[in-house]
């Protein structure tokens, strides 16, 4: 299978996972499909953002924070960077544990 076809197949799986998430039924392999796509296109920040949203909706806050941070690292000038920083702050909350080695989101 060529790289381009393989990416499309993996992204289709991620979209299916996303559809389940919007119906409040997180699909465990939706996040895995995004991770596989990221492994093939490591410089695609939009995949990290989509993974983060999937993880956040699945209640996996620490993993979502890491994925959002990856998105910001890959796309520091993204139009929604401030919104994403707000999501990270919300997920961290006052008592939420910070993932090991994660940078602070405060200025």
Foldseek 3Di string as FASTA:
>chain_A
DDLVVVLVVLVVLLVVQVVCLVVLRGDVCNLVSLVVNCVSVVLDLVSLQSSLVSCVSVVNLQSSLVSLVSSCVSCVPDPCNVVSLVVNPVSCDPPRDHPPPDDDSDD
